[in-house]
Amino acid sequence: MNDPSGFHARLAAAHERSGSMLCVGLDPDPARFPTVLDGAPDAIARFCIAIVDATADLVCAFKPQFAHFAAHRAEDQLERVCHHIRARHPDVVLVLDGKRGDIGSTAAFYAREAFGRYGVDAVTVNPYLGTDAAVPFLELGGVIALCRTSNPGAGELQDLTVADGRPLYLHVAEMVAERWTRHGDCGLVVGATSPTELAGVRSVAPDLPILLPGVGAQGGDLEASVRAGVDGDGRNLLVSSSRQILYASSGDDFADAARAVALATRDAANAALG
């Protein structure tokens, strides 16, 4: 039986509760904040919390992006945002987008930061260092491994053909599905800019959650990606949208505007399943 407090079980419950595949990415950029937050020392936390409270009933997950906080010396505000989500919206899954990747004690400390300080359900990791580098994270929570990403240069390494004629990203998917899952709850990152590759990943990892960035500002194909990415039950897909939702308005109505775009994105993702 799955751990009811584990990443997989909590995601399944969040899907069921919300009827939503939407994951709102929290990528705060103070240069794009509404003027009502000008000069506020805690502007990042206030902005993110307003977005969270406006959209929480429409989502299965929130995904704060670590660098967007750390670059502004705002790790304490990230902590505040995460604690707010846990306290006010405890049924929503919380994913830290940190793309961690290291070994030994360093990996263990990264894991303690993610799951201890920020209290997340899962963290994104770079799979390049292999299984042993993922184990410290899997001992404390869920891991979502980069597999076939949404950026233009993704194919430079990820599409390389290896000895058996398959691309490297499929070997990553297979490694995570067959090896990493022995140690805990795993998922994969596959971009909405690559629906054909996404279908291939889903065939290799039929039961794993897939985090789907690239929707919205990056121009990913939402309908094709949803159809290719869901599991056999039409679930286990986190459709991630960040900038399109966060910056739907630069005015005082920014939270209401974010809600409207989140609602439209949620409905479009659901509609893709027919």
Protein backbone atom coordinates (compact mmCIF):
# COMPACT_ATOMS: atom_id res chain seq x y z
CA MET A 1 0.00 0.00 0.00
CA ASN A 2 1.21 3.50 -0.83
CA ASP A 3 2.21 5.77 2.02
CA PRO A 4 -0.81 8.12 2.34
CA SER A 5 1.61 10.95 3.06
CA GLY A 6 3.85 10.09 0.10
CA PHE A 7 4.14 11.99 -3.16
CA HIS A 8 2.20 9.50 -5.32
CA ALA A 9 -0.69 9.11 -2.88
CA ARG A 10 -0.96 12.84 -2.24
CA LEU A 11 -0.95 13.58 -5.97
CA ALA A 12 -3.69 11.02 -6.61
CA ALA A 13 -5.77 12.58 -3.82
CA ALA A 14 -5.14 16.08 -5.18
CA HIS A 15 -6.27 15.04 -8.66
CA GLU A 16 -9.41 13.51 -7.20
CA ARG A 17 -10.20 16.49 -4.98
CA SER A 18 -9.60 19.22 -7.55
CA GLY A 19 -10.53 17.49 -10.80
CA SER A 20 -7.51 19.32 -12.17
CA MET A 21 -4.16 18.54 -13.79
CA LEU A 22 -2.96 22.13 -13.41
CA CYS A 23 0.27 22.91 -11.56
CA VAL A 24 0.90 26.62 -11.10
CA GLY A 25 4.59 27.47 -11.19
CA LEU A 26 5.65 30.18 -8.77
CA ASP A 27 8.43 32.03 -10.64
CA PRO A 28 8.44 35.48 -9.02
CA ASP A 29 10.09 38.32 -10.93
CA PRO A 30 9.87 41.59 -8.97
CA ALA A 31 10.41 43.58 -12.17
CA ARG A 32 6.99 42.39 -13.33
CA PHE A 33 5.11 42.88 -10.06
CA PRO A 34 2.16 45.29 -9.88
CA THR A 35 2.90 48.73 -8.49
CA VAL A 36 0.87 48.00 -5.38
CA LEU A 37 3.85 45.91 -4.19
CA ASP A 38 6.53 48.51 -5.00
CA GLY A 39 8.98 48.92 -2.14
CA ALA A 40 7.52 46.15 0.01
CA PRO A 41 10.37 44.20 1.65
CA ASP A 42 8.28 41.02 1.48
CA ALA A 43 6.88 41.67 -2.00
CA ILE A 44 7.88 38.23 -3.31
CA ALA A 45 6.03 36.38 -0.56
CA ARG A 46 2.99 38.64 -0.79
CA PHE A 47 2.80 38.25 -4.56
CA CYS A 48 3.09 34.46 -4.46
CA ILE A 49 0.65 34.05 -1.58
CA ALA A 50 -1.93 36.18 -3.42
CA ILE A 51 -1.57 33.93 -6.48
CA VAL A 52 -1.78 30.80 -4.34
CA ASP A 53 -4.94 31.89 -2.55
CA ALA A 54 -6.58 32.94 -5.83
CA THR A 55 -5.93 29.63 -7.59
CA ALA A 56 -5.65 26.90 -4.94
CA ASP A 57 -9.06 25.37 -5.65
CA LEU A 58 -8.20 25.08 -9.38
CA VAL A 59 -4.91 23.18 -9.08
CA CYS A 60 -3.45 19.87 -8.04
CA ALA A 61 -0.02 21.37 -7.28
CA PHE A 62 2.13 24.45 -6.82
CA LYS A 63 5.75 24.52 -8.00
CA PRO A 64 7.96 27.27 -6.57
CA GLN A 65 11.15 27.77 -8.61
CA PHE A 66 14.09 28.03 -6.23
CA ALA A 67 16.33 30.35 -8.27
CA HIS A 68 13.61 32.99 -8.58
CA PHE A 69 13.71 33.34 -4.80
CA ALA A 70 17.41 32.76 -4.12
CA ALA A 71 18.57 35.36 -6.67
CA HIS A 72 16.80 37.99 -4.56
CA ARG A 73 18.07 36.62 -1.22
CA ALA A 74 14.47 35.58 -0.57
CA GLU A 75 14.85 32.01 0.67
CA ASP A 76 13.07 33.09 3.85
CA GLN A 77 10.14 34.28 1.71
CA LEU A 78 10.12 30.93 -0.12
CA GLU A 79 9.90 29.27 3.27
CA ARG A 80 6.99 31.54 4.17
CA VAL A 81 5.18 30.74 0.91
CA CYS A 82 5.65 26.99 1.38
CA HIS A 83 4.46 27.11 4.97
CA HIS A 84 1.41 29.14 3.89
CA ILE A 85 0.51 26.50 1.29
CA ARG A 86 0.89 23.74 3.87
CA ALA A 87 -1.23 25.58 6.45
CA ARG A 88 -3.99 27.02 4.24
CA HIS A 89 -4.11 24.54 1.34
CA PRO A 90 -2.82 21.27 2.81
CA ASP A 91 -4.35 19.06 0.12
CA VAL A 92 -2.37 20.71 -2.70
CA VAL A 93 0.87 18.99 -3.69
CA LEU A 94 4.01 21.09 -3.29
CA VAL A 95 6.95 20.60 -5.69
CA LEU A 96 10.25 22.43 -5.30
CA ASP A 97 11.75 23.12 -8.72
CA GLY A 98 15.41 23.10 -7.75
CA LYS A 99 16.90 20.74 -10.36
CA ARG A 100 19.30 19.42 -7.75
CA GLY A 101 22.08 17.04 -8.67
CA ASP A 102 25.00 16.05 -6.46
CA ILE A 103 26.36 13.10 -4.51
CA GLY A 104 26.96 11.91 -0.97
CA SER A 105 26.57 14.34 1.88
CA THR A 106 25.88 17.26 -0.47
CA ALA A 107 22.86 15.49 -1.93
CA ALA A 108 21.73 14.65 1.60
CA PHE A 109 21.89 18.30 2.65
CA TYR A 110 20.02 19.40 -0.47
CA ALA A 111 17.35 16.84 0.43
CA ARG A 112 17.15 18.08 4.02
CA GLU A 113 16.70 21.63 2.76
CA ALA A 114 13.89 20.69 0.37
CA PHE A 115 11.91 18.36 2.58
CA GLY A 116 12.84 19.78 5.98
CA ARG A 117 13.04 23.53 5.57
CA TYR A 118 10.44 23.92 2.80
CA GLY A 119 8.26 20.89 3.55
CA VAL A 120 7.70 19.93 -0.08
CA ASP A 121 6.28 16.66 -1.40
CA ALA A 122 8.78 16.32 -4.25
CA VAL A 123 11.82 18.03 -5.74
CA THR A 124 13.10 18.13 -9.32
CA VAL A 125 16.53 16.55 -9.80
CA ASN A 126 19.09 16.12 -12.55
CA PRO A 127 19.45 12.38 -13.33
CA TYR A 128 22.94 12.66 -14.82
CA LEU A 129 24.67 11.42 -11.63
CA GLY A 130 22.63 8.21 -11.48
CA THR A 131 20.67 6.29 -8.86
CA ASP A 132 22.91 6.74 -5.83
CA ALA A 133 22.63 10.53 -6.16
CA ALA A 134 18.82 10.29 -6.08
CA VAL A 135 18.60 8.01 -3.04
CA PRO A 136 19.12 10.74 -0.37
CA PHE A 137 16.12 12.58 -1.83
CA LEU A 138 13.99 9.44 -2.14
CA GLU A 139 14.63 8.60 1.50
CA LEU A 140 12.83 11.81 2.49
CA GLY A 141 10.23 12.42 -0.25
CA GLY A 142 9.42 12.31 -3.94
CA VAL A 143 11.79 12.91 -6.84
CA ILE A 144 10.89 14.23 -10.31
CA ALA A 145 13.76 13.60 -12.72
CA LEU A 146 14.54 15.73 -15.76
CA CYS A 147 13.89 13.53 -18.78
CA ARG A 148 12.98 15.37 -22.02
CA THR A 149 12.92 19.06 -21.22
CA SER A 150 11.12 21.93 -22.95
CA ASN A 151 14.05 24.18 -23.88
CA PRO A 152 15.27 24.55 -27.50
CA GLY A 153 18.64 22.90 -26.77
CA ALA A 154 17.18 19.88 -25.03
CA GLY A 155 17.96 17.52 -27.87
CA GLU A 156 21.71 18.22 -27.87
CA LEU A 157 22.18 15.52 -25.24
CA GLN A 158 18.75 14.12 -24.51
CA ASP A 159 18.09 12.95 -28.07
CA LEU A 160 21.48 11.29 -28.56
CA THR A 161 21.11 7.72 -29.79
CA VAL A 162 22.82 5.12 -27.63
CA ALA A 163 23.95 1.59 -28.44
CA ASP A 164 20.49 0.01 -28.65
CA GLY A 165 19.23 2.67 -31.07
CA ARG A 166 17.03 4.48 -28.55
CA PRO A 167 17.51 8.10 -27.46
CA LEU A 168 19.09 8.91 -24.13
CA TYR A 169 15.89 10.39 -22.67
CA LEU A 170 14.15 7.01 -22.96
CA HIS A 171 16.98 5.41 -21.02
CA VAL A 172 16.50 8.06 -18.32
CA ALA A 173 12.77 7.26 -18.19
CA GLU A 174 13.53 3.55 -17.97
CA MET A 175 16.16 4.05 -15.26
CA VAL A 176 13.76 6.06 -13.13
CA ALA A 177 10.83 3.68 -13.69
CA GLU A 178 12.80 0.50 -13.01
CA ARG A 179 15.59 1.46 -10.57
CA TRP A 180 14.72 4.65 -8.77
CA THR A 181 11.21 3.52 -7.92
CA ARG A 182 12.69 0.75 -5.76
CA HIS A 183 13.78 3.51 -3.37
CA GLY A 184 10.67 5.72 -3.33
CA ASP A 185 8.12 7.77 -5.25
CA CYS A 186 9.37 9.12 -8.59
CA GLY A 187 8.17 11.18 -11.53
CA LEU A 188 9.59 12.60 -14.77
CA VAL A 189 9.84 16.04 -16.38
CA VAL A 190 8.86 16.06 -20.05
CA GLY A 191 8.14 19.29 -21.93
CA ALA A 192 4.88 20.12 -23.71
CA THR A 193 7.07 21.29 -26.61
CA SER A 194 7.76 17.61 -27.44
CA PRO A 195 4.45 15.65 -27.51
CA THR A 196 5.88 12.88 -29.69
CA GLU A 197 8.75 12.30 -27.27
CA LEU A 198 6.27 12.55 -24.40
CA ALA A 199 4.27 9.65 -25.82
CA GLY A 200 7.45 7.59 -25.96
CA VAL A 201 8.26 8.36 -22.34
CA ARG A 202 4.74 7.43 -21.26
CA SER A 203 5.11 4.05 -22.98
CA VAL A 204 8.31 3.36 -21.01
CA ALA A 205 6.95 4.71 -17.70
CA PRO A 206 3.19 3.99 -17.84
CA ASP A 207 2.51 4.58 -14.14
CA LEU A 208 4.75 7.49 -13.17
CA PRO A 209 3.61 11.09 -12.71
CA ILE A 210 4.86 13.39 -15.46
CA LEU A 211 5.49 17.08 -14.84
CA LEU A 212 4.70 18.92 -18.07
CA PRO A 213 6.33 22.37 -18.39
CA GLY A 214 6.26 24.43 -21.56
CA VAL A 215 2.54 25.24 -21.57
CA GLY A 216 1.65 28.90 -22.06
CA ALA A 217 4.58 31.27 -22.54
CA GLN A 218 6.79 28.56 -24.12
CA GLY A 219 4.11 27.67 -26.65
CA GLY A 220 3.78 23.95 -25.96
CA ASP A 221 0.92 22.02 -27.54
CA LEU A 222 -1.46 21.56 -24.61
CA GLU A 223 -4.02 19.31 -26.29
CA ALA A 224 -1.51 16.94 -27.91
CA SER A 225 0.63 16.82 -24.77
CA VAL A 226 -2.26 16.02 -22.46
CA ARG A 227 -3.39 13.18 -24.70
CA ALA A 228 0.14 11.82 -24.94
CA GLY A 229 1.03 12.32 -21.29
CA VAL A 230 -1.83 11.02 -19.16
CA ASP A 231 -1.74 7.48 -17.84
CA GLY A 232 -4.33 4.81 -18.57
CA ASP A 233 -6.75 6.40 -16.09
CA GLY A 234 -6.39 9.89 -17.53
CA ARG A 235 -4.30 11.07 -14.57
CA ASN A 236 -0.69 11.32 -13.37
CA LEU A 237 0.02 14.46 -15.38
CA LEU A 238 0.91 17.84 -13.86
CA VAL A 239 0.34 20.53 -16.50
CA SER A 240 2.66 23.31 -15.39
CA SER A 241 2.04 26.93 -16.30
CA SER A 242 3.88 29.83 -14.72
CA ARG A 243 4.35 33.20 -16.44
CA GLN A 244 1.09 33.12 -18.37
CA ILE A 245 -0.81 32.85 -15.09
CA LEU A 246 1.42 34.91 -12.78
CA TYR A 247 1.61 37.94 -15.05
CA ALA A 248 -1.86 37.89 -16.58
CA SER A 249 -2.21 41.47 -15.32
CA SER A 250 0.22 44.12 -14.11
CA GLY A 251 -2.51 45.95 -12.23
CA ASP A 252 -4.03 45.66 -8.79
CA ASP A 253 -6.29 42.93 -10.18
CA PHE A 254 -3.30 40.61 -10.76
CA ALA A 255 -4.64 37.83 -8.51
CA ASP A 256 -8.10 37.86 -10.13
CA ALA A 257 -6.52 37.85 -13.59
CA ALA A 258 -4.29 34.95 -12.59
CA ARG A 259 -7.33 33.02 -11.45
CA ALA A 260 -9.09 33.59 -14.77
CA VAL A 261 -6.13 32.26 -16.77
CA ALA A 262 -5.68 29.34 -14.39
CA LEU A 263 -9.34 28.43 -14.79
CA ALA A 264 -9.08 28.58 -18.59
CA THR A 265 -5.91 26.45 -18.56
CA ARG A 266 -7.44 23.86 -16.25
CA ASP A 267 -10.55 23.61 -18.43
CA ALA A 268 -8.51 23.38 -21.63
CA ALA A 269 -6.42 20.55 -20.18
CA ASN A 270 -9.53 18.66 -19.09
CA ALA A 271 -11.19 19.28 -22.46
CA ALA A 272 -8.23 17.69 -24.22
CA LEU A 273 -9.30 14.36 -22.78
CA GLY A 274 -12.69 14.68 -24.49
